[in-house]
Protein backbone atom coordinates (compact mmCIF):
# COMPACT_ATOMS: atom_id res chain seq x y z
CA MET A 1 -97.93 -49.01 210.80
CA ALA A 2 -98.25 -52.74 209.94
CA ASP A 3 -95.91 -55.31 211.75
CA SER A 4 -96.03 -57.34 208.64
CA PRO A 5 -97.26 -57.60 205.11
CA GLU A 6 -100.41 -59.82 205.06
CA SER A 7 -99.13 -61.54 201.75
CA LEU A 8 -96.31 -61.30 199.24
CA PRO A 9 -96.42 -62.23 195.46
CA LEU A 10 -94.32 -65.56 195.24
CA ALA A 11 -96.00 -69.05 194.50
CA GLU A 12 -94.63 -72.09 196.13
CA GLN A 13 -92.00 -73.78 194.06
CA PRO A 14 -91.00 -77.46 193.55
CA PRO A 15 -88.09 -78.82 195.54
CA ASP A 16 -86.05 -78.87 192.54
CA ASP A 17 -86.91 -75.12 191.58
CA GLN A 18 -86.03 -74.23 195.24
CA ALA A 19 -82.54 -75.76 194.96
CA LEU A 20 -81.89 -74.32 191.79
CA LEU A 21 -82.72 -70.75 192.89
CA ALA A 22 -80.75 -71.17 196.06
CA ARG A 23 -77.79 -72.50 194.35
CA ALA A 24 -77.86 -69.87 191.77
CA PHE A 25 -78.01 -67.16 194.54
CA TRP A 26 -74.87 -68.54 196.07
CA LEU A 27 -72.87 -68.75 192.59
CA LEU A 28 -74.03 -65.18 191.84
CA LEU A 29 -73.10 -63.96 195.19
CA ASP A 30 -69.72 -65.57 195.23
CA HIS A 31 -68.36 -64.78 191.72
CA GLY A 32 -70.51 -61.47 191.12
CA ARG A 33 -70.80 -62.30 187.33
CA PRO A 34 -73.56 -63.75 184.92
CA LEU A 35 -74.11 -67.40 185.38
CA GLU A 36 -74.11 -70.07 182.65
CA VAL A 37 -76.94 -72.32 182.71
CA GLY A 38 -74.27 -75.12 182.30
CA VAL A 39 -72.37 -74.19 185.40
CA LEU A 40 -75.61 -74.19 187.23
CA ALA A 41 -76.64 -77.62 185.98
CA ASP A 42 -73.17 -78.91 187.09
CA ALA A 43 -73.46 -77.31 190.47
CA LEU A 44 -76.76 -79.38 191.07
CA GLN A 45 -75.67 -82.30 189.36
CA ARG A 46 -78.68 -82.34 186.92
CA GLU A 47 -79.00 -82.40 183.17
CA PRO A 48 -78.60 -79.09 181.68
CA ALA A 49 -81.81 -79.41 179.38
CA ALA A 50 -83.77 -79.88 182.69
CA VAL A 51 -82.12 -76.83 184.41
CA ALA A 52 -82.62 -75.01 181.23
CA ALA A 53 -86.15 -75.59 181.04
CA ALA A 54 -86.72 -74.74 184.73
CA VAL A 55 -84.92 -71.42 184.31
CA ASP A 56 -87.17 -70.63 181.37
CA ARG A 57 -90.23 -71.36 183.69
CA LEU A 58 -88.84 -69.07 186.54
CA GLU A 59 -88.03 -66.33 184.28
CA GLN A 60 -91.55 -66.46 183.03
CA ALA A 61 -92.83 -66.38 186.36
CA GLY A 62 -90.47 -63.13 187.13
CA LEU A 63 -88.35 -65.03 189.86
CA THR A 64 -85.01 -64.95 187.74
CA ARG A 65 -83.62 -62.91 185.16
CA ARG A 66 -81.09 -63.55 182.22
CA ASP A 67 -79.18 -61.65 179.75
CA PRO A 68 -79.33 -61.97 175.90
CA ALA A 69 -76.86 -64.81 176.09
CA GLY A 70 -78.86 -66.72 178.18
CA ARG A 71 -76.89 -66.21 181.39
CA LEU A 72 -78.71 -65.77 184.94
CA LEU A 73 -78.16 -62.31 186.23
CA GLY A 74 -80.25 -62.76 189.32
CA SER A 75 -81.86 -65.10 191.84
CA HIS A 76 -83.56 -64.60 195.10
CA GLY A 77 -83.60 -61.03 194.77
CA LEU A 78 -79.82 -60.86 194.33
CA SER A 79 -78.70 -59.26 191.04
CA VAL A 80 -75.15 -58.98 189.34
CA ALA A 81 -76.66 -56.34 186.87
CA PRO A 82 -77.01 -52.77 188.27
CA THR A 83 -80.39 -51.98 189.66
CA HIS A 84 -81.91 -48.80 191.81
CA HIS A 85 -80.75 -50.70 194.79
CA GLU A 86 -76.97 -51.16 195.31
CA LEU A 87 -75.84 -53.63 197.84
CA VAL A 88 -72.39 -53.96 199.49
CA ILE A 89 -71.97 -57.18 201.33
CA ASP A 90 -68.84 -58.11 203.18
CA GLY A 91 -67.10 -55.78 200.56
CA ARG A 92 -68.50 -57.19 197.59
CA ARG A 93 -70.75 -55.00 195.33
CA ARG A 94 -73.85 -56.36 194.10
CA TRP A 95 -77.54 -55.13 193.55
CA THR A 96 -81.13 -56.32 194.46
CA TRP A 97 -84.44 -56.22 192.73
CA CYS A 98 -86.16 -54.39 195.69
CA ALA A 99 -85.39 -52.88 199.08
CA TYR A 100 -86.89 -55.89 201.18
CA ASP A 101 -84.44 -58.10 199.15
CA ALA A 102 -81.45 -55.96 200.18
CA VAL A 103 -82.25 -55.85 203.86
CA GLY A 104 -83.24 -59.43 203.87
CA ILE A 105 -80.20 -60.87 202.49
CA LEU A 106 -77.83 -58.87 204.75
CA GLY A 107 -79.68 -59.89 207.57
CA ALA A 108 -80.01 -63.65 206.54
CA LEU A 109 -76.35 -63.97 206.09
CA GLU A 110 -75.60 -61.83 209.15
CA ALA A 111 -73.18 -59.91 206.85
CA ASP A 112 -71.44 -56.55 207.09
CA GLY A 113 -72.61 -54.28 204.43
CA GLN A 114 -74.35 -51.18 202.95
CA VAL A 115 -77.42 -50.42 201.23
CA HIS A 116 -77.74 -47.35 198.75
CA SER A 117 -81.08 -46.51 197.15
CA ARG A 118 -83.14 -43.42 196.39
CA SER A 119 -86.55 -42.27 197.61
CA PRO A 120 -89.06 -42.56 194.78
CA HIS A 121 -90.82 -39.76 196.56
CA SER A 122 -87.98 -37.23 196.71
CA GLY A 123 -85.01 -38.54 195.20
CA THR A 124 -82.86 -38.43 198.46
CA LEU A 125 -80.19 -40.76 198.61
CA ILE A 126 -80.67 -43.18 201.40
CA GLU A 127 -77.70 -45.25 202.80
CA LEU A 128 -78.21 -48.07 205.25
CA THR A 129 -75.10 -49.89 207.30
CA PHE A 130 -75.38 -53.11 208.64
CA ASP A 131 -72.99 -54.67 211.07
CA ALA A 132 -73.26 -58.62 211.35
CA GLY A 133 -76.74 -58.51 209.82
CA GLN A 134 -78.02 -55.71 212.28
CA PRO A 135 -79.10 -52.40 210.73
CA ALA A 136 -77.82 -49.01 212.36
CA THR A 137 -80.54 -46.81 213.71
CA THR A 138 -82.19 -44.85 210.88
CA ASP A 139 -85.42 -43.15 210.32
CA ALA A 140 -85.75 -44.71 206.77
CA VAL A 141 -88.49 -47.21 206.12
CA VAL A 142 -89.21 -49.93 203.73
CA PHE A 143 -92.51 -49.60 201.80
CA MET A 144 -94.03 -53.10 201.46
CA ALA A 145 -96.75 -53.03 198.62
CA GLU A 146 -99.62 -55.50 198.94
CA GLU A 147 -100.45 -55.45 195.26
CA PRO A 148 -101.22 -58.89 193.34
CA CYS A 149 -98.78 -59.38 190.59
CA ARG A 150 -97.67 -62.03 187.97
CA SER A 151 -94.28 -61.02 187.63
CA VAL A 152 -92.43 -60.44 190.99
CA ILE A 153 -89.34 -58.71 189.37
CA ASP A 154 -91.41 -56.44 187.05
CA GLU A 155 -94.52 -55.68 188.91
CA TRP A 156 -94.02 -56.18 192.62
CA CYS A 157 -90.39 -55.30 193.22
CA PRO A 158 -90.53 -51.65 191.60
CA LEU A 159 -93.35 -50.73 194.40
CA VAL A 160 -90.97 -52.14 197.26
CA ASN A 161 -88.56 -49.32 197.86
CA LEU A 162 -86.63 -47.55 200.75
CA PHE A 163 -87.97 -44.04 201.85
CA GLU A 164 -86.46 -41.25 204.15
CA HIS A 165 -89.46 -41.68 206.48
CA ASP A 166 -92.91 -43.12 207.06
CA GLN A 167 -94.59 -39.85 205.86
CA ALA A 168 -92.82 -39.81 202.50
CA ALA A 169 -93.80 -43.51 202.05
CA ALA A 170 -97.37 -42.82 202.71
CA ALA A 171 -97.60 -39.57 200.47
CA TRP A 172 -95.86 -41.75 197.69
CA ALA A 173 -98.41 -44.49 198.18
CA ARG A 174 -101.35 -42.32 198.07
CA GLN A 175 -100.16 -40.38 195.09
CA HIS A 176 -99.70 -43.60 192.99
CA GLY A 177 -102.74 -45.49 194.46
CA ILE A 178 -100.49 -48.44 195.83
CA SER A 179 -101.84 -50.47 198.58
CA GLY A 180 -99.47 -51.52 201.37
CA ALA A 181 -97.48 -50.36 204.63
CA ALA A 182 -94.20 -49.04 205.52
CA GLN A 183 -91.84 -50.86 208.11
CA PRO A 184 -89.04 -49.51 210.04
CA VAL A 185 -85.83 -50.86 208.47
CA ALA A 186 -85.23 -52.96 211.81
CA GLN A 187 -88.35 -54.55 211.27
CA ALA A 188 -88.41 -55.31 207.68
CA THR A 189 -84.68 -56.82 208.32
CA ARG A 190 -86.09 -59.31 210.73
CA LEU A 191 -88.84 -60.41 208.53
CA GLY A 192 -86.65 -60.57 205.70
CA ALA A 193 -83.65 -62.40 207.29
CA ALA A 194 -86.36 -65.13 208.27
CA ALA A 195 -87.59 -65.35 204.80
CA TRP A 196 -84.02 -65.67 203.29
CA ARG A 197 -82.86 -68.10 205.66
CA ALA A 198 -85.74 -70.12 204.54
CA TYR A 199 -84.81 -69.67 200.69
CA LEU A 200 -81.32 -70.34 201.08
CA TRP A 201 -81.06 -73.15 203.73
CA PRO A 202 -83.71 -75.91 204.52
CA GLY A 203 -86.38 -74.99 206.69
CA THR A 204 -90.11 -73.33 206.66
CA THR A 205 -90.79 -69.78 205.36
CA PRO A 206 -92.51 -68.02 208.24
CA ALA A 207 -96.21 -66.64 207.75
CA GLY A 208 -96.32 -62.91 206.89
CA CYS A 209 -92.55 -62.72 205.68
CA CYS A 210 -93.05 -62.28 202.35
CA PRO A 211 -95.16 -60.56 199.07
CA PRO A 212 -99.40 -61.34 197.58
CA GLY A 213 -99.07 -64.92 196.82
CA GLY A 214 -96.78 -66.30 199.38
CA PRO A 215 -93.13 -67.19 198.97
CA PRO A 216 -91.27 -70.26 197.68
CA THR A 217 -90.46 -72.22 200.61
CA PRO A 218 -87.41 -74.41 200.51
CA THR A 219 -88.78 -77.14 202.65
CA GLY A 220 -87.23 -80.62 201.34
CA ALA A 221 -84.65 -78.57 198.98
CA GLN A 222 -82.26 -81.27 197.67
CA GLU A 223 -78.71 -80.71 196.96
CA GLY A 224 -76.79 -78.50 199.17
CA THR A 225 -77.77 -75.13 198.29
CA HIS A 226 -74.43 -73.20 199.32
CA ALA A 227 -71.80 -72.98 196.32
CA HIS A 228 -69.10 -73.57 199.03
CA GLN A 229 -70.76 -77.22 199.70
CA ASP A 230 -69.65 -78.48 196.23
């Protein structure tokens, strides 16, 4: 079982985009509803047109998602629209684009919570419990795909799932011809927590934490990235 994925599918983003993604994450987490681009622009103290252009670019890269009204539904893996991965974080119900997002977010925020998902191999319901960002003991694993992609949300995230055990993940990957490795939930949480701390606060993304292409590191992120810093 590999200790960490060799690469993950995120190209490095300019500092302005890093700040945008981080601020959008905090606003979505705090408020739990679709985010108007104008509200995000105000939080960033940037021109709405510039923020709208950045959101267009990030959506094309599969790094965010909007509803038909143009409001942001997700950022840095966190979603306010239902997905296959339900996340309950400090009592708040949200969702994530993939299993790695869910464990990484809970780990980085050192939060209490639960993850509810289903194994693509068997349909078995998998429930993880976290206490202060640490997962309870479980046989479940996170399958980390090593497939290159152009859209993180559409192409990589559907391959990164929770499985009831390592054998189920391996069987599913063989059946579908997908390259990757299963990681124990505790290990995936450690790697994910390091990645999301770097995404959400200034710092450097550790090597091997993320998908084929390398993650957006928030080094040099500008305006405060936490909504509570407004």
